[in-house]
Amino acid sequence: MKIEELDVPDAFVVTPEIFSDERGSFLEWYRHEALAEAVGHPLFLAQANCSVSGAGVIRGIHYADVPPGQGKYITCLRGAVLDIVVDLRAGSATFGRSAVVRLDDVERRAVYLAEGLGHGFCGLTDDATVAYLCSTVYQPGAEHGVHPLDPDLALPWPQDLIQRVPLLSAKDAAAPSLQAALAAGALPTVEACRARYATLRDEALRETERPGGSG
C-alpha cells in the first residue's frame, strides 16, 4: 500500500497492492496504522456511507463545520468516478486549490481528506458505487457545500458528460459560490482546522500511553 499526499495539503491518495489469479483478486483497501502514520492520527470510524451514481452525476462540493468536522476515506467499489478535493479552509495558503483523482474498480485507489476540506465527485460510468468511511456522524445543521460549477473554482469536470446538463441535487444546485461562502463566514478557518488536527493527534497519543493501549 502506497500513500501519497495530494497537491491539497492534508489530503492523500492511497494505492493498494492487488493480488490477482484465476479466482479473481484480493487487496487491502484500508489499513488504519498505515493511514495514521501518513496523516498523524488514526481515522476514527463513526459512519460508513455508500452512494450509487449515474454517468454525469455530480455530488458536492461538501464540507462540515470545524470542530468537529468530518474526515473521509473514499473508494469506488464499482465503475469509476472523478474524485475532487478542494481546500475550503479560509486563510489557508492553498485556499481554493483542488486535487483530482480517478477512483475506479480497476486500480482500486482511495482518497483520504482531513476535516475542513471540501469533497465532490462526478460519475464516469453508470452505477458508479462509492463507499465512504467517515470520522463523525452526519449532522444536517453542520453540513454545507459550495457550488460545484463555480467558475472561480474551475473544477475539471468531464465536459463530455456534463455538457448534457449535469445532474445535481437541489441542495447542491442552490449552494453558494466559494467567494459568497467566504464572505458569509460559512467556511472553516485554517486555524480551527489546525487546532482540530492537533486535538486528534493528542487524543491518539494519549490512547497509546494509556495502560493496555496500542503503544
C-alpha atoms as a PDB file:
ATOM      1  CA  MET A   1       0.000   0.000   0.000  1.00  0.00           C
ATOM      2  CA  LYS A   2       1.371   3.388  -1.054  1.00  0.00           C
ATOM      3  CA  ILE A   3       0.064   6.618   0.492  1.00  0.00           C
ATOM      4  CA  GLU A   4       0.957   9.957  -1.085  1.00  0.00           C
ATOM      5  CA  GLU A   5      -0.121  13.483  -0.179  1.00  0.00           C
ATOM      6  CA  LEU A   6      -2.008  15.344  -2.898  1.00  0.00           C
ATOM      7  CA  ASP A   7      -1.487  18.939  -4.063  1.00  0.00           C
ATOM      8  CA  VAL A   8      -4.055  19.912  -1.429  1.00  0.00           C
ATOM      9  CA  PRO A   9      -2.333  19.572   1.972  1.00  0.00           C
ATOM     10  CA  ASP A  10      -3.923  17.047   4.371  1.00  0.00           C
ATOM     11  CA  ALA A  11      -5.440  15.044   1.518  1.00  0.00           C
ATOM     12  CA  PHE A  12      -3.893  11.741   0.429  1.00  0.00           C
ATOM     13  CA  VAL A  13      -4.287   9.163  -2.331  1.00  0.00           C
ATOM     14  CA  VAL A  14      -3.936   5.515  -1.328  1.00  0.00           C
ATOM     15  CA  THR A  15      -2.842   2.961  -3.920  1.00  0.00           C
ATOM     16  CA  PRO A  16      -3.245  -0.658  -2.776  1.00  0.00           C
ATOM     17  CA  GLU A  17      -1.342  -3.699  -3.916  1.00  0.00           C
ATOM     18  CA  ILE A  18      -3.713  -6.002  -5.785  1.00  0.00           C
ATOM     19  CA  PHE A  19      -3.171  -9.766  -5.831  1.00  0.00           C
ATOM     20  CA  SER A  20      -4.837 -11.455  -8.809  1.00  0.00           C
ATOM     21  CA  ASP A  21      -5.093 -15.034 -10.001  1.00  0.00           C
ATOM     22  CA  GLU A  22      -7.551 -17.267 -11.851  1.00  0.00           C
ATOM     23  CA  ARG A  23     -10.023 -16.938  -8.960  1.00  0.00           C
ATOM     24  CA  GLY A  24     -10.179 -13.138  -9.038  1.00  0.00           C
ATOM     25  CA  SER A  25      -8.351 -10.592  -6.904  1.00  0.00           C
ATOM     26  CA  PHE A  26      -7.668  -9.534  -3.328  1.00  0.00           C
ATOM     27  CA  LEU A  27      -6.500  -6.232  -1.842  1.00  0.00           C
ATOM     28  CA  GLU A  28      -6.391  -4.274   1.404  1.00  0.00           C
ATOM     29  CA  TRP A  29      -8.257  -1.064   0.620  1.00  0.00           C
ATOM     30  CA  TYR A  30      -7.832   0.371   4.122  1.00  0.00           C
ATOM     31  CA  ARG A  31      -5.271  -0.130   6.906  1.00  0.00           C
ATOM     32  CA  HIS A  32      -5.659   2.054   9.974  1.00  0.00           C
ATOM     33  CA  GLU A  33      -1.998   2.067  11.040  1.00  0.00           C
ATOM     34  CA  ALA A  34      -0.708   2.928   7.564  1.00  0.00           C
ATOM     35  CA  LEU A  35      -3.112   5.836   7.253  1.00  0.00           C
ATOM     36  CA  ALA A  36      -2.392   7.004  10.808  1.00  0.00           C
ATOM     37  CA  GLU A  37       1.335   7.096  10.063  1.00  0.00           C
ATOM     38  CA  ALA A  38       0.767   9.260   6.971  1.00  0.00           C
ATOM     39  CA  VAL A  39      -1.856  11.553   8.487  1.00  0.00           C
ATOM     40  CA  GLY A  40      -0.516  11.801  12.045  1.00  0.00           C
ATOM     41  CA  HIS A  41      -3.508  10.233  13.770  1.00  0.00           C
ATOM     42  CA  PRO A  42      -5.948   7.351  13.180  1.00  0.00           C
ATOM     43  CA  LEU A  43      -9.264   7.723  11.392  1.00  0.00           C
ATOM     44  CA  PHE A  44     -11.988   7.222  13.980  1.00  0.00           C
ATOM     45  CA  LEU A  45     -14.768   5.364  12.184  1.00  0.00           C
ATOM     46  CA  ALA A  46     -18.160   6.761  13.148  1.00  0.00           C
ATOM     47  CA  GLN A  47     -20.207   6.161   9.997  1.00  0.00           C
ATOM     48  CA  ALA A  48     -19.944   4.339   6.663  1.00  0.00           C
ATOM     49  CA  ASN A  49     -21.880   5.507   3.601  1.00  0.00           C
ATOM     50  CA  CYS A  50     -22.472   4.167   0.114  1.00  0.00           C
ATOM     51  CA  SER A  51     -23.815   6.050  -2.908  1.00  0.00           C
ATOM     52  CA  VAL A  52     -24.649   4.926  -6.439  1.00  0.00           C
ATOM     53  CA  SER A  53     -24.500   7.493  -9.251  1.00  0.00           C
ATOM     54  CA  GLY A  54     -25.022   7.554 -12.988  1.00  0.00           C
ATOM     55  CA  ALA A  55     -22.583   8.957 -15.514  1.00  0.00           C
ATOM     56  CA  GLY A  56     -22.598  12.760 -15.355  1.00  0.00           C
ATOM     57  CA  VAL A  57     -23.992  12.947 -11.819  1.00  0.00           C
ATOM     58  CA  ILE A  58     -22.049  15.425  -9.672  1.00  0.00           C
ATOM     59  CA  ARG A  59     -22.133  15.192  -5.875  1.00  0.00           C
ATOM     60  CA  GLY A  60     -20.548  18.026  -3.899  1.00  0.00           C
ATOM     61  CA  ILE A  61     -18.683  20.093  -3.094  1.00  0.00           C
ATOM     62  CA  HIS A  62     -19.462  19.191   0.541  1.00  0.00           C
ATOM     63  CA  TYR A  63     -17.825  20.038   3.865  1.00  0.00           C
ATOM     64  CA  ALA A  64     -18.697  20.126   7.569  1.00  0.00           C
ATOM     65  CA  ASP A  65     -18.249  22.701  10.316  1.00  0.00           C
ATOM     66  CA  VAL A  66     -14.969  22.503  12.237  1.00  0.00           C
ATOM     67  CA  PRO A  67     -14.933  21.487  15.014  1.00  0.00           C
ATOM     68  CA  PRO A  68     -15.536  18.641  14.793  1.00  0.00           C
ATOM     69  CA  GLY A  69     -15.529  18.440  11.003  1.00  0.00           C
ATOM     70  CA  GLN A  70     -15.631  15.160   9.137  1.00  0.00           C
ATOM     71  CA  GLY A  71     -12.595  13.284   7.853  1.00  0.00           C
ATOM     72  CA  LYS A  72     -13.404  10.955   4.954  1.00  0.00           C
ATOM     73  CA  TYR A  73     -11.837   7.892   3.335  1.00  0.00           C
ATOM     74  CA  ILE A  74     -13.373   7.227  -0.074  1.00  0.00           C
ATOM     75  CA  THR A  75     -13.111   4.482  -2.667  1.00  0.00           C
ATOM     76  CA  CYS A  76     -15.068   3.370  -5.733  1.00  0.00           C
ATOM     77  CA  LEU A  77     -16.378  -0.178  -5.473  1.00  0.00           C
ATOM     78  CA  ARG A  78     -17.908  -0.376  -8.944  1.00  0.00           C
ATOM     79  CA  GLY A  79     -17.398   1.656 -12.096  1.00  0.00           C
ATOM     80  CA  ALA A  80     -15.455   4.917 -11.975  1.00  0.00           C
ATOM     81  CA  VAL A  81     -15.698   8.462 -10.635  1.00  0.00           C
ATOM     82  CA  LEU A  82     -13.624  11.620 -10.928  1.00  0.00           C
ATOM     83  CA  ASP A  83     -12.976  12.491  -7.294  1.00  0.00           C
ATOM     84  CA  ILE A  84     -12.107  16.081  -6.332  1.00  0.00           C
ATOM     85  CA  VAL A  85     -10.780  17.564  -3.088  1.00  0.00           C
ATOM     86  CA  VAL A  86     -10.900  21.352  -2.594  1.00  0.00           C
ATOM     87  CA  ASP A  87      -9.144  23.395   0.078  1.00  0.00           C
ATOM     88  CA  LEU A  88     -12.000  25.401   1.615  1.00  0.00           C
ATOM     89  CA  ARG A  89     -10.074  26.453   4.738  1.00  0.00           C
ATOM     90  CA  ALA A  90     -10.256  30.234   4.980  1.00  0.00           C
ATOM     91  CA  GLY A  91      -6.769  31.631   5.451  1.00  0.00           C
ATOM     92  CA  SER A  92      -5.020  28.575   4.014  1.00  0.00           C
ATOM     93  CA  ALA A  93      -2.048  29.193   1.729  1.00  0.00           C
ATOM     94  CA  THR A  94      -3.703  26.810  -0.741  1.00  0.00           C
ATOM     95  CA  PHE A  95      -7.261  28.166  -0.364  1.00  0.00           C
ATOM     96  CA  GLY A  96      -9.326  27.282  -3.432  1.00  0.00           C
ATOM     97  CA  ARG A  97      -6.806  24.752  -4.755  1.00  0.00           C
ATOM     98  CA  SER A  98      -8.172  21.410  -5.930  1.00  0.00           C
ATOM     99  CA  ALA A  99      -6.737  17.932  -6.437  1.00  0.00           C
ATOM    100  CA  VAL A 100      -8.235  15.341  -8.767  1.00  0.00           C
ATOM    101  CA  VAL A 101      -8.030  11.537  -8.569  1.00  0.00           C
ATOM    102  CA  ARG A 102      -9.768   8.933 -10.698  1.00  0.00           C
ATOM    103  CA  LEU A 103     -11.232   6.238  -8.455  1.00  0.00           C
ATOM    104  CA  ASP A 104     -12.328   3.035 -10.142  1.00  0.00           C
ATOM    105  CA  ASP A 105     -12.768  -0.715  -9.790  1.00  0.00           C
ATOM    106  CA  VAL A 106      -9.510  -1.451 -11.626  1.00  0.00           C
ATOM    107  CA  GLU A 107      -6.751   0.310  -9.682  1.00  0.00           C
ATOM    108  CA  ARG A 108      -8.914   0.405  -6.529  1.00  0.00           C
ATOM    109  CA  ARG A 109      -7.351   3.604  -5.201  1.00  0.00           C
ATOM    110  CA  ALA A 110      -8.805   5.543  -2.284  1.00  0.00           C
ATOM    111  CA  VAL A 111      -8.693   9.170  -1.136  1.00  0.00           C
ATOM    112  CA  TYR A 112      -8.435  10.481   2.417  1.00  0.00           C
ATOM    113  CA  LEU A 113      -9.312  14.094   3.200  1.00  0.00           C
ATOM    114  CA  ALA A 114      -8.981  15.839   6.530  1.00  0.00           C
ATOM    115  CA  GLU A 115     -11.594  17.908   8.331  1.00  0.00           C
ATOM    116  CA  GLY A 116     -12.256  21.275   6.677  1.00  0.00           C
ATOM    117  CA  LEU A 117     -11.543  20.147   3.121  1.00  0.00           C
ATOM    118  CA  GLY A 118     -14.293  20.030   0.528  1.00  0.00           C
ATOM    119  CA  HIS A 119     -15.155  16.904  -1.411  1.00  0.00           C
ATOM    120  CA  GLY A 120     -17.107  16.020  -4.517  1.00  0.00           C
ATOM    121  CA  PHE A 121     -17.108  13.643  -7.450  1.00  0.00           C
ATOM    122  CA  CYS A 122     -18.646  13.018 -10.859  1.00  0.00           C
ATOM    123  CA  GLY A 123     -19.808   9.616 -12.012  1.00  0.00           C
ATOM    124  CA  LEU A 124     -17.868   8.498 -15.079  1.00  0.00           C
ATOM    125  CA  THR A 125     -19.904   5.322 -15.526  1.00  0.00           C
ATOM    126  CA  ASP A 126     -23.450   4.306 -14.777  1.00  0.00           C
ATOM    127  CA  ASP A 127     -23.904   2.592 -11.405  1.00  0.00           C
ATOM    128  CA  ALA A 128     -20.686   4.160 -10.087  1.00  0.00           C
ATOM    129  CA  THR A 129     -20.670   2.934  -6.484  1.00  0.00           C
ATOM    130  CA  VAL A 130     -18.723   4.917  -3.900  1.00  0.00           C
ATOM    131  CA  ALA A 131     -18.060   3.929  -0.280  1.00  0.00           C
ATOM    132  CA  TYR A 132     -17.114   6.491   2.379  1.00  0.00           C
ATOM    133  CA  LEU A 133     -15.681   5.917   5.837  1.00  0.00           C
ATOM    134  CA  CYS A 134     -16.422   8.988   7.980  1.00  0.00           C
ATOM    135  CA  SER A 135     -14.881  10.186  11.244  1.00  0.00           C
ATOM    136  CA  THR A 136     -18.129  11.721  12.557  1.00  0.00           C
ATOM    137  CA  VAL A 137     -21.806  11.010  12.027  1.00  0.00           C
ATOM    138  CA  TYR A 138     -23.897  13.095   9.674  1.00  0.00           C
ATOM    139  CA  GLN A 139     -25.254  16.238  11.314  1.00  0.00           C
ATOM    140  CA  PRO A 140     -27.604  18.111   8.938  1.00  0.00           C
ATOM    141  CA  GLY A 141     -27.106  21.503  10.562  1.00  0.00           C
ATOM    142  CA  ALA A 142     -23.327  21.236  10.324  1.00  0.00           C
ATOM    143  CA  GLU A 143     -23.154  20.074   6.692  1.00  0.00           C
ATOM    144  CA  HIS A 144     -22.644  22.625   3.914  1.00  0.00           C
ATOM    145  CA  GLY A 145     -21.487  22.991   0.352  1.00  0.00           C
ATOM    146  CA  VAL A 146     -20.132  25.285  -2.319  1.00  0.00           C
ATOM    147  CA  HIS A 147     -21.373  25.163  -5.890  1.00  0.00           C
ATOM    148  CA  PRO A 148     -19.505  22.522  -7.907  1.00  0.00           C
ATOM    149  CA  LEU A 149     -19.747  24.603 -11.104  1.00  0.00           C
ATOM    150  CA  ASP A 150     -18.447  27.822  -9.544  1.00  0.00           C
ATOM    151  CA  PRO A 151     -16.290  29.381 -12.293  1.00  0.00           C
ATOM    152  CA  ASP A 152     -13.817  30.663  -9.704  1.00  0.00           C
ATOM    153  CA  LEU A 153     -13.117  27.066  -8.670  1.00  0.00           C
ATOM    154  CA  ALA A 154     -12.893  25.977 -12.325  1.00  0.00           C
ATOM    155  CA  LEU A 155     -13.042  22.320 -11.377  1.00  0.00           C
ATOM    156  CA  PRO A 156     -12.066  19.933 -14.203  1.00  0.00           C
ATOM    157  CA  TRP A 157     -15.343  18.078 -14.537  1.00  0.00           C
ATOM    158  CA  PRO A 158     -15.527  15.850 -17.646  1.00  0.00           C
ATOM    159  CA  GLN A 159     -17.097  18.147 -20.216  1.00  0.00           C
ATOM    160  CA  ASP A 160     -18.207  15.308 -22.493  1.00  0.00           C
ATOM    161  CA  LEU A 161     -20.531  14.169 -19.691  1.00  0.00           C
ATOM    162  CA  ILE A 162     -21.702  17.353 -18.034  1.00  0.00           C
ATOM    163  CA  GLN A 163     -22.441  19.167 -21.298  1.00  0.00           C
ATOM    164  CA  ARG A 164     -25.599  17.075 -21.255  1.00  0.00           C
ATOM    165  CA  VAL A 165     -26.549  19.189 -18.208  1.00  0.00           C
ATOM    166  CA  PRO A 166     -25.044  17.789 -15.006  1.00  0.00           C
ATOM    167  CA  LEU A 167     -27.371  16.136 -12.560  1.00  0.00           C
ATOM    168  CA  LEU A 168     -27.197  17.975  -9.226  1.00  0.00           C
ATOM    169  CA  SER A 169     -29.288  17.621  -6.113  1.00  0.00           C
ATOM    170  CA  ALA A 170     -31.484  20.602  -5.278  1.00  0.00           C
ATOM    171  CA  LYS A 171     -29.195  21.369  -2.320  1.00  0.00           C
ATOM    172  CA  ASP A 172     -26.038  21.283  -4.425  1.00  0.00           C
ATOM    173  CA  ALA A 173     -27.629  23.410  -7.165  1.00  0.00           C
ATOM    174  CA  ALA A 174     -28.527  26.057  -4.563  1.00  0.00           C
ATOM    175  CA  ALA A 175     -25.091  26.089  -2.901  1.00  0.00           C
ATOM    176  CA  PRO A 176     -23.218  29.413  -2.810  1.00  0.00           C
ATOM    177  CA  SER A 177     -20.063  30.218  -4.707  1.00  0.00           C
ATOM    178  CA  LEU A 178     -16.738  29.946  -2.922  1.00  0.00           C
ATOM    179  CA  GLN A 179     -16.443  33.712  -2.527  1.00  0.00           C
ATOM    180  CA  ALA A 180     -20.037  34.047  -1.291  1.00  0.00           C
ATOM    181  CA  ALA A 181     -19.442  31.346   1.323  1.00  0.00           C
ATOM    182  CA  LEU A 182     -16.209  33.055   2.371  1.00  0.00           C
ATOM    183  CA  ALA A 183     -17.871  36.466   2.654  1.00  0.00           C
ATOM    184  CA  ALA A 184     -20.670  34.968   4.752  1.00  0.00           C
ATOM    185  CA  GLY A 185     -18.171  33.440   7.185  1.00  0.00           C
ATOM    186  CA  ALA A 186     -19.533  29.989   6.370  1.00  0.00           C
ATOM    187  CA  LEU A 187     -16.198  28.286   5.671  1.00  0.00           C
ATOM    188  CA  PRO A 188     -13.972  26.631   8.278  1.00  0.00           C
ATOM    189  CA  THR A 189     -10.838  28.586   9.122  1.00  0.00           C
ATOM    190  CA  VAL A 190      -7.389  27.110   8.746  1.00  0.00           C
ATOM    191  CA  GLU A 191      -6.745  27.911  12.427  1.00  0.00           C
ATOM    192  CA  ALA A 192      -9.784  25.888  13.543  1.00  0.00           C
ATOM    193  CA  CYS A 193      -8.728  23.004  11.314  1.00  0.00           C
ATOM    194  CA  ARG A 194      -5.140  23.002  12.579  1.00  0.00           C
ATOM    195  CA  ALA A 195      -6.425  23.025  16.151  1.00  0.00           C
ATOM    196  CA  ARG A 196      -8.695  20.083  15.354  1.00  0.00           C
ATOM    197  CA  TYR A 197      -5.826  18.094  13.808  1.00  0.00           C
ATOM    198  CA  ALA A 198      -3.693  18.790  16.905  1.00  0.00           C
ATOM    199  CA  THR A 199      -6.515  17.572  19.143  1.00  0.00           C
ATOM    200  CA  LEU A 200      -6.799  14.350  17.147  1.00  0.00           C
ATOM    201  CA  ARG A 201      -3.039  13.774  17.388  1.00  0.00           C
ATOM    202  CA  ASP A 202      -3.104  14.407  21.141  1.00  0.00           C
ATOM    203  CA  GLU A 203      -6.006  12.008  21.599  1.00  0.00           C
ATOM    204  CA  ALA A 204      -4.155   9.324  19.626  1.00  0.00           C
ATOM    205  CA  LEU A 205      -1.020   9.860  21.732  1.00  0.00           C
ATOM    206  CA  ARG A 206      -2.956   9.567  24.995  1.00  0.00           C
ATOM    207  CA  GLU A 207      -4.525   6.345  23.736  1.00  0.00           C
ATOM    208  CA  THR A 208      -1.127   4.780  23.054  1.00  0.00           C
ATOM    209  CA  GLU A 209       0.127   5.851  26.514  1.00  0.00           C
ATOM    210  CA  ARG A 210      -2.940   4.508  28.323  1.00  0.00           C
ATOM    211  CA  PRO A 211      -2.388   1.196  30.168  1.00  0.00           C
ATOM    212  CA  GLY A 212      -3.460  -1.506  27.759  1.00  0.00           C
ATOM    213  CA  GLY A 213      -3.323   0.928  24.811  1.00  0.00           C
ATOM    214  CA  SER A 214      -1.806   0.100  21.432  1.00  0.00           C
ATOM    215  CA  GLY A 215       1.569   1.576  22.455  1.00  0.00           C
END
